[in-house]
C-alpha atoms as a PDB file:
ATOM      1  CA  MET A   1       0.000   0.000   0.000  1.00  0.00           C
ATOM      2  CA  ASP A   2       1.222   3.489  -0.868  1.00  0.00           C
ATOM      3  CA  ILE A   3       0.605   6.270   1.652  1.00  0.00           C
ATOM      4  CA  LYS A   4      -0.241   9.235  -0.546  1.00  0.00           C
ATOM      5  CA  THR A   5      -1.677  11.529   2.144  1.00  0.00           C
ATOM      6  CA  ALA A   6      -1.455  11.549   5.927  1.00  0.00           C
ATOM      7  CA  GLU A   7      -2.920  14.412   7.901  1.00  0.00           C
ATOM      8  CA  PHE A   8      -3.574  15.142  11.556  1.00  0.00           C
ATOM      9  CA  VAL A   9      -7.315  15.614  12.176  1.00  0.00           C
ATOM     10  CA  ILE A  10      -8.081  15.940  15.910  1.00  0.00           C
ATOM     11  CA  SER A  11      -6.872  15.262  19.458  1.00  0.00           C
ATOM     12  CA  ASN A  12      -9.236  14.738  22.355  1.00  0.00           C
ATOM     13  CA  THR A  13      -9.871  12.792  25.562  1.00  0.00           C
ATOM     14  CA  ASP A  14     -13.513  11.952  24.834  1.00  0.00           C
ATOM     15  CA  VAL A  15     -14.455   9.084  22.511  1.00  0.00           C
ATOM     16  CA  GLU A  16     -17.706  10.899  21.655  1.00  0.00           C
ATOM     17  CA  LYS A  17     -15.677  13.728  20.071  1.00  0.00           C
ATOM     18  CA  CYS A  18     -13.824  11.412  17.693  1.00  0.00           C
ATOM     19  CA  PRO A  19     -14.443  12.004  13.954  1.00  0.00           C
ATOM     20  CA  VAL A  20     -17.882  11.109  12.626  1.00  0.00           C
ATOM     21  CA  GLY A  21     -18.263   8.759   9.677  1.00  0.00           C
ATOM     22  CA  THR A  22     -17.539   5.114   8.975  1.00  0.00           C
ATOM     23  CA  PHE A  23     -13.873   5.099   7.928  1.00  0.00           C
ATOM     24  CA  PRO A  24     -12.042   2.151   9.529  1.00  0.00           C
ATOM     25  CA  GLU A  25      -9.653   3.021  12.353  1.00  0.00           C
ATOM     26  CA  TYR A  26      -6.415   1.232  13.219  1.00  0.00           C
ATOM     27  CA  ALA A  27      -5.372   2.131  16.744  1.00  0.00           C
ATOM     28  CA  PHE A  28      -1.850   1.860  18.143  1.00  0.00           C
ATOM     29  CA  ILE A  29      -1.210   1.342  21.845  1.00  0.00           C
ATOM     30  CA  GLY A  30       1.525   0.132  24.177  1.00  0.00           C
ATOM     31  CA  ARG A  31       3.398   0.881  27.339  1.00  0.00           C
ATOM     32  CA  SER A  32       4.869   4.365  27.622  1.00  0.00           C
ATOM     33  CA  ASN A  33       8.047   4.836  25.564  1.00  0.00           C
ATOM     34  CA  VAL A  34       7.539   1.683  23.481  1.00  0.00           C
ATOM     35  CA  GLY A  35       8.104   3.631  20.252  1.00  0.00           C
ATOM     36  CA  LYS A  36       4.517   4.290  19.195  1.00  0.00           C
ATOM     37  CA  SER A  37       4.952   7.734  17.652  1.00  0.00           C
ATOM     38  CA  SER A  38       8.137   6.657  15.854  1.00  0.00           C
ATOM     39  CA  LEU A  39       6.312   3.659  14.378  1.00  0.00           C
ATOM     40  CA  ILE A  40       3.401   5.819  13.164  1.00  0.00           C
ATOM     41  CA  ASN A  41       5.844   8.267  11.549  1.00  0.00           C
ATOM     42  CA  MET A  42       7.695   5.366   9.906  1.00  0.00           C
ATOM     43  CA  LEU A  43       4.507   3.788   8.563  1.00  0.00           C
ATOM     44  CA  THR A  44       3.226   7.051   7.089  1.00  0.00           C
ATOM     45  CA  GLY A  45       6.616   8.269   5.891  1.00  0.00           C
ATOM     46  CA  ARG A  46       5.937  11.614   7.638  1.00  0.00           C
ATOM     47  CA  LYS A  47       8.729  12.329  10.097  1.00  0.00           C
ATOM     48  CA  GLY A  48       6.882  14.743  12.375  1.00  0.00           C
ATOM     49  CA  LEU A  49       3.301  13.508  12.017  1.00  0.00           C
ATOM     50  CA  ALA A  50       3.090  11.948  15.490  1.00  0.00           C
ATOM     51  CA  MET A  51       5.053  13.762  18.164  1.00  0.00           C
ATOM     52  CA  THR A  52       7.910  11.699  19.580  1.00  0.00           C
ATOM     53  CA  SER A  53       9.333  12.346  23.007  1.00  0.00           C
ATOM     54  CA  ALA A  54      12.186  10.988  25.104  1.00  0.00           C
ATOM     55  CA  THR A  55       9.933  11.443  28.136  1.00  0.00           C
ATOM     56  CA  PRO A  56       7.527   8.539  28.727  1.00  0.00           C
ATOM     57  CA  GLY A  57       3.844   9.237  29.191  1.00  0.00           C
ATOM     58  CA  LYS A  58       3.598  12.291  26.923  1.00  0.00           C
ATOM     59  CA  THR A  59       0.643  11.103  24.831  1.00  0.00           C
ATOM     60  CA  MET A  60      -2.407  11.846  26.981  1.00  0.00           C
ATOM     61  CA  LEU A  61      -4.882  12.131  24.109  1.00  0.00           C
ATOM     62  CA  ILE A  62      -6.624  10.145  21.376  1.00  0.00           C
ATOM     63  CA  ASN A  63      -4.964  11.407  18.164  1.00  0.00           C
ATOM     64  CA  HIS A  64      -6.585  10.781  14.767  1.00  0.00           C
ATOM     65  CA  PHE A  65      -4.584  10.846  11.521  1.00  0.00           C
ATOM     66  CA  LEU A  66      -6.481  10.502   8.227  1.00  0.00           C
ATOM     67  CA  ILE A  67      -4.620   8.274   5.755  1.00  0.00           C
ATOM     68  CA  ASN A  68      -5.289   8.391   1.996  1.00  0.00           C
ATOM     69  CA  LYS A  69      -8.572  10.126   2.861  1.00  0.00           C
ATOM     70  CA  SER A  70     -10.107   6.694   3.505  1.00  0.00           C
ATOM     71  CA  TRP A  71      -8.958   5.308   6.890  1.00  0.00           C
ATOM     72  CA  TYR A  72      -7.469   6.474  10.176  1.00  0.00           C
ATOM     73  CA  ILE A  73      -4.415   5.725  12.248  1.00  0.00           C
ATOM     74  CA  VAL A  74      -5.289   6.403  15.888  1.00  0.00           C
ATOM     75  CA  ASP A  75      -2.525   7.098  18.388  1.00  0.00           C
ATOM     76  CA  LEU A  76      -3.761   6.138  21.869  1.00  0.00           C
ATOM     77  CA  PRO A  77      -2.161   7.127  25.193  1.00  0.00           C
ATOM     78  CA  GLY A  78       0.553   4.832  26.505  1.00  0.00           C
ATOM     79  CA  TYR A  79      -0.315   2.821  29.588  1.00  0.00           C
ATOM     80  CA  GLY A  80       1.652   1.852  32.691  1.00  0.00           C
ATOM     81  CA  TYR A  81       3.621   5.046  33.336  1.00  0.00           C
ATOM     82  CA  ALA A  82       3.966   4.793  37.125  1.00  0.00           C
ATOM     83  CA  ARG A  83       5.212   8.358  37.704  1.00  0.00           C
ATOM     84  CA  ARG A  84       1.909   9.738  36.453  1.00  0.00           C
ATOM     85  CA  GLY A  85       0.274   9.042  39.845  1.00  0.00           C
ATOM     86  CA  MET A  86      -2.891   7.098  40.599  1.00  0.00           C
ATOM     87  CA  LYS A  87      -5.306   9.815  39.467  1.00  0.00           C
ATOM     88  CA  GLY A  88      -3.463  10.330  36.185  1.00  0.00           C
ATOM     89  CA  GLN A  89      -3.252   6.597  35.538  1.00  0.00           C
ATOM     90  CA  GLU A  90      -6.980   6.243  36.167  1.00  0.00           C
ATOM     91  CA  GLN A  91      -7.745   9.066  33.704  1.00  0.00           C
ATOM     92  CA  ILE A  92      -5.609   7.392  31.034  1.00  0.00           C
ATOM     93  CA  ARG A  93      -7.187   3.982  31.731  1.00  0.00           C
ATOM     94  CA  LYS A  94     -10.657   5.492  31.224  1.00  0.00           C
ATOM     95  CA  ILE A  95      -9.670   7.197  27.941  1.00  0.00           C
ATOM     96  CA  ILE A  96      -8.185   3.936  26.609  1.00  0.00           C
ATOM     97  CA  GLU A  97     -11.041   1.685  27.739  1.00  0.00           C
ATOM     98  CA  ASP A  98     -13.763   4.042  26.485  1.00  0.00           C
ATOM     99  CA  TYR A  99     -12.191   4.212  23.039  1.00  0.00           C
ATOM    100  CA  ILE A 100     -11.476   0.472  22.721  1.00  0.00           C
ATOM    101  CA  LEU A 101     -14.850  -0.678  24.039  1.00  0.00           C
ATOM    102  CA  GLU A 102     -17.124   1.993  22.538  1.00  0.00           C
ATOM    103  CA  ARG A 103     -15.601   3.049  19.222  1.00  0.00           C
ATOM    104  CA  GLU A 104     -17.401   1.022  16.572  1.00  0.00           C
ATOM    105  CA  GLN A 105     -15.076   2.245  13.813  1.00  0.00           C
ATOM    106  CA  MET A 106     -12.046   0.656  15.495  1.00  0.00           C
ATOM    107  CA  THR A 107     -11.164  -2.165  13.131  1.00  0.00           C
ATOM    108  CA  ASN A 108      -7.942  -3.453  14.660  1.00  0.00           C
ATOM    109  CA  LEU A 109      -5.765  -2.593  17.636  1.00  0.00           C
ATOM    110  CA  PHE A 110      -2.009  -2.833  17.191  1.00  0.00           C
ATOM    111  CA  LEU A 111      -0.415  -3.587  20.551  1.00  0.00           C
ATOM    112  CA  LEU A 112       3.236  -2.545  20.625  1.00  0.00           C
ATOM    113  CA  ILE A 113       5.679  -4.653  22.643  1.00  0.00           C
ATOM    114  CA  ASP A 114       9.335  -3.726  23.305  1.00  0.00           C
ATOM    115  CA  SER A 115      11.242  -6.663  21.806  1.00  0.00           C
ATOM    116  CA  ARG A 116      14.211  -6.059  24.133  1.00  0.00           C
ATOM    117  CA  LEU A 117      12.263  -7.103  27.232  1.00  0.00           C
ATOM    118  CA  GLU A 118      11.014 -10.391  28.578  1.00  0.00           C
ATOM    119  CA  PRO A 119       7.198 -10.712  28.801  1.00  0.00           C
ATOM    120  CA  GLN A 120       5.867  -7.930  31.030  1.00  0.00           C
ATOM    121  CA  LYS A 121       2.981  -8.583  33.417  1.00  0.00           C
ATOM    122  CA  ILE A 122       1.178  -5.377  32.401  1.00  0.00           C
ATOM    123  CA  ASP A 123       1.248  -6.342  28.690  1.00  0.00           C
ATOM    124  CA  MET A 124       0.070  -9.899  29.363  1.00  0.00           C
ATOM    125  CA  GLU A 125      -2.808  -8.616  31.519  1.00  0.00           C
ATOM    126  CA  PHE A 126      -3.766  -6.083  28.844  1.00  0.00           C
ATOM    127  CA  MET A 127      -3.904  -8.808  26.182  1.00  0.00           C
ATOM    128  CA  GLU A 128      -6.011 -10.942  28.490  1.00  0.00           C
ATOM    129  CA  TRP A 129      -8.424  -8.013  28.890  1.00  0.00           C
ATOM    130  CA  LEU A 130      -8.594  -7.568  25.104  1.00  0.00           C
ATOM    131  CA  GLY A 131      -9.401 -11.260  24.723  1.00  0.00           C
ATOM    132  CA  GLU A 132     -12.099 -11.158  27.394  1.00  0.00           C
ATOM    133  CA  ASN A 133     -13.750  -8.256  25.571  1.00  0.00           C
ATOM    134  CA  GLY A 134     -13.419  -9.774  22.094  1.00  0.00           C
ATOM    135  CA  ILE A 135     -11.226  -6.960  20.758  1.00  0.00           C
ATOM    136  CA  PRO A 136      -9.419  -7.754  17.465  1.00  0.00           C
ATOM    137  CA  PHE A 137      -5.729  -7.039  17.947  1.00  0.00           C
ATOM    138  CA  SER A 138      -2.288  -7.702  16.518  1.00  0.00           C
ATOM    139  CA  ILE A 139       1.123  -7.489  18.171  1.00  0.00           C
ATOM    140  CA  VAL A 140       3.968  -5.325  16.888  1.00  0.00           C
ATOM    141  CA  PHE A 141       7.376  -6.073  18.373  1.00  0.00           C
ATOM    142  CA  THR A 142       9.289  -2.761  18.313  1.00  0.00           C
ATOM    143  CA  LYS A 143      12.953  -1.671  18.515  1.00  0.00           C
ATOM    144  CA  THR A 144      14.134  -4.891  16.891  1.00  0.00           C
ATOM    145  CA  ASP A 145      17.221  -3.165  15.484  1.00  0.00           C
ATOM    146  CA  LYS A 146      18.566  -2.899  19.061  1.00  0.00           C
ATOM    147  CA  LEU A 147      19.033  -6.686  19.359  1.00  0.00           C
ATOM    148  CA  LYS A 148      21.066  -9.377  17.634  1.00  0.00           C
ATOM    149  CA  SER A 149      18.823 -11.795  15.751  1.00  0.00           C
ATOM    150  CA  GLY A 150      19.377 -14.702  18.164  1.00  0.00           C
ATOM    151  CA  LYS A 151      18.352 -12.662  21.200  1.00  0.00           C
ATOM    152  CA  LEU A 152      15.440 -11.110  19.292  1.00  0.00           C
ATOM    153  CA  ASN A 153      14.081 -14.493  18.208  1.00  0.00           C
ATOM    154  CA  GLY A 154      14.519 -15.823  21.754  1.00  0.00           C
ATOM    155  CA  ASN A 155      12.533 -12.947  23.270  1.00  0.00           C
ATOM    156  CA  ILE A 156       9.727 -13.259  20.708  1.00  0.00           C
ATOM    157  CA  GLN A 157       9.485 -17.024  21.194  1.00  0.00           C
ATOM    158  CA  MET A 158       9.300 -16.446  24.958  1.00  0.00           C
ATOM    159  CA  TYR A 159       6.312 -14.152  24.413  1.00  0.00           C
ATOM    160  CA  LEU A 160       4.613 -16.601  22.067  1.00  0.00           C
ATOM    161  CA  ARG A 161       5.079 -19.456  24.542  1.00  0.00           C
ATOM    162  CA  ARG A 162       3.465 -17.362  27.273  1.00  0.00           C
ATOM    163  CA  LEU A 163       0.579 -16.460  24.965  1.00  0.00           C
ATOM    164  CA  ARG A 164      -0.041 -20.093  24.040  1.00  0.00           C
ATOM    165  CA  LEU A 165      -0.783 -20.804  27.702  1.00  0.00           C
ATOM    166  CA  GLN A 166      -3.850 -18.541  27.432  1.00  0.00           C
ATOM    167  CA  TRP A 167      -4.749 -18.495  23.742  1.00  0.00           C
ATOM    168  CA  GLU A 168      -5.833 -21.330  21.491  1.00  0.00           C
ATOM    169  CA  GLU A 169      -4.975 -19.192  18.475  1.00  0.00           C
ATOM    170  CA  LEU A 170      -2.203 -16.604  18.540  1.00  0.00           C
ATOM    171  CA  PRO A 171      -2.941 -13.077  17.306  1.00  0.00           C
ATOM    172  CA  PRO A 172      -1.057 -11.949  14.181  1.00  0.00           C
ATOM    173  CA  TYR A 173       2.316 -10.433  15.028  1.00  0.00           C
ATOM    174  CA  PHE A 174       4.818  -8.214  13.245  1.00  0.00           C
ATOM    175  CA  ILE A 175       8.508  -7.479  13.801  1.00  0.00           C
ATOM    176  CA  SER A 176       9.341  -3.810  13.325  1.00  0.00           C
ATOM    177  CA  SER A 177      12.037  -1.190  13.589  1.00  0.00           C
ATOM    178  CA  SER A 178      11.407   2.510  13.083  1.00  0.00           C
ATOM    179  CA  GLU A 179      15.124   2.967  12.372  1.00  0.00           C
ATOM    180  CA  SER A 180      15.482   0.345   9.614  1.00  0.00           C
ATOM    181  CA  ARG A 181      11.814   0.512   8.521  1.00  0.00           C
ATOM    182  CA  GLN A 182      11.528  -3.236   9.058  1.00  0.00           C
ATOM    183  CA  GLY A 183       7.912  -4.399   9.129  1.00  0.00           C
ATOM    184  CA  ARG A 184       6.524  -1.353   7.323  1.00  0.00           C
ATOM    185  CA  ASN A 185       5.290  -3.192   4.233  1.00  0.00           C
ATOM    186  CA  GLU A 186       3.923  -6.123   6.230  1.00  0.00           C
ATOM    187  CA  ILE A 187       1.855  -3.909   8.561  1.00  0.00           C
ATOM    188  CA  LEU A 188       0.536  -1.704   5.739  1.00  0.00           C
ATOM    189  CA  ASP A 189      -0.310  -4.753   3.602  1.00  0.00           C
ATOM    190  CA  TYR A 190      -2.205  -6.228   6.566  1.00  0.00           C
ATOM    191  CA  ILE A 191      -4.236  -3.009   6.927  1.00  0.00           C
ATOM    192  CA  ASP A 192      -4.816  -2.894   3.162  1.00  0.00           C
ATOM    193  CA  ALA A 193      -6.104  -6.489   3.149  1.00  0.00           C
ATOM    194  CA  ILE A 194      -8.592  -5.724   5.940  1.00  0.00           C
ATOM    195  CA  ASN A 195      -9.756  -2.553   4.152  1.00  0.00           C
ATOM    196  CA  ARG A 196     -10.312  -4.478   0.911  1.00  0.00           C
ATOM    197  CA  GLU A 197     -12.205  -7.214   2.746  1.00  0.00           C
ATOM    198  CA  MET A 198     -14.458  -4.633   4.399  1.00  0.00           C
ATOM    199  CA  GLN A 199     -15.149  -2.959   1.029  1.00  0.00           C
ATOM    200  CA  THR A 200     -16.117  -6.338  -0.441  1.00  0.00           C
ATOM    201  CA  VAL A 201     -18.473  -7.075   2.462  1.00  0.00           C
ATOM    202  CA  ASN A 202     -20.071  -3.621   2.283  1.00  0.00           C
ATOM    203  CA  SER A 203     -20.442  -3.481  -1.513  1.00  0.00           C
END
């Protein structure tokens, strides 16, 4: 898929203020500082489209980006930033849950996982919650350029083994690097295939 246009549309904290219409939405979420904004910029080929920050927990809003005037990338707040305090964490949890559970246009959730780390309790619990609520999601392993291939494969296999304990069928997963642009075509082709399938169903 070619990204011909990518434009910022709106930021807000209220799912009811998200854009009207029926365009499919592909939301991106993960723990704070997992590389979400960098991945969105890499996918769209627009360096400054999503704001990147060295400080975790900067994205506090639901950000909509209109792609090719036909579907949205949605940048959701990162979860699990402990220094935000209990009240702040609760606010973020509500924003995330309201969007994921109530937004009918959300077609797929991309859950970003830092490939350098062993399986994190917070990520495993989040996936369990997605499964309990029947949310379609895929996993994107980020920052893969930071690891040698043996270590990378070992970490990913560790995650998949943990997932198999809970899941009969594993969600789709992608291996990505914002630096080397690894995974870009695979993720965009996956989105394109879903969009085409939806057009066929609706036509």
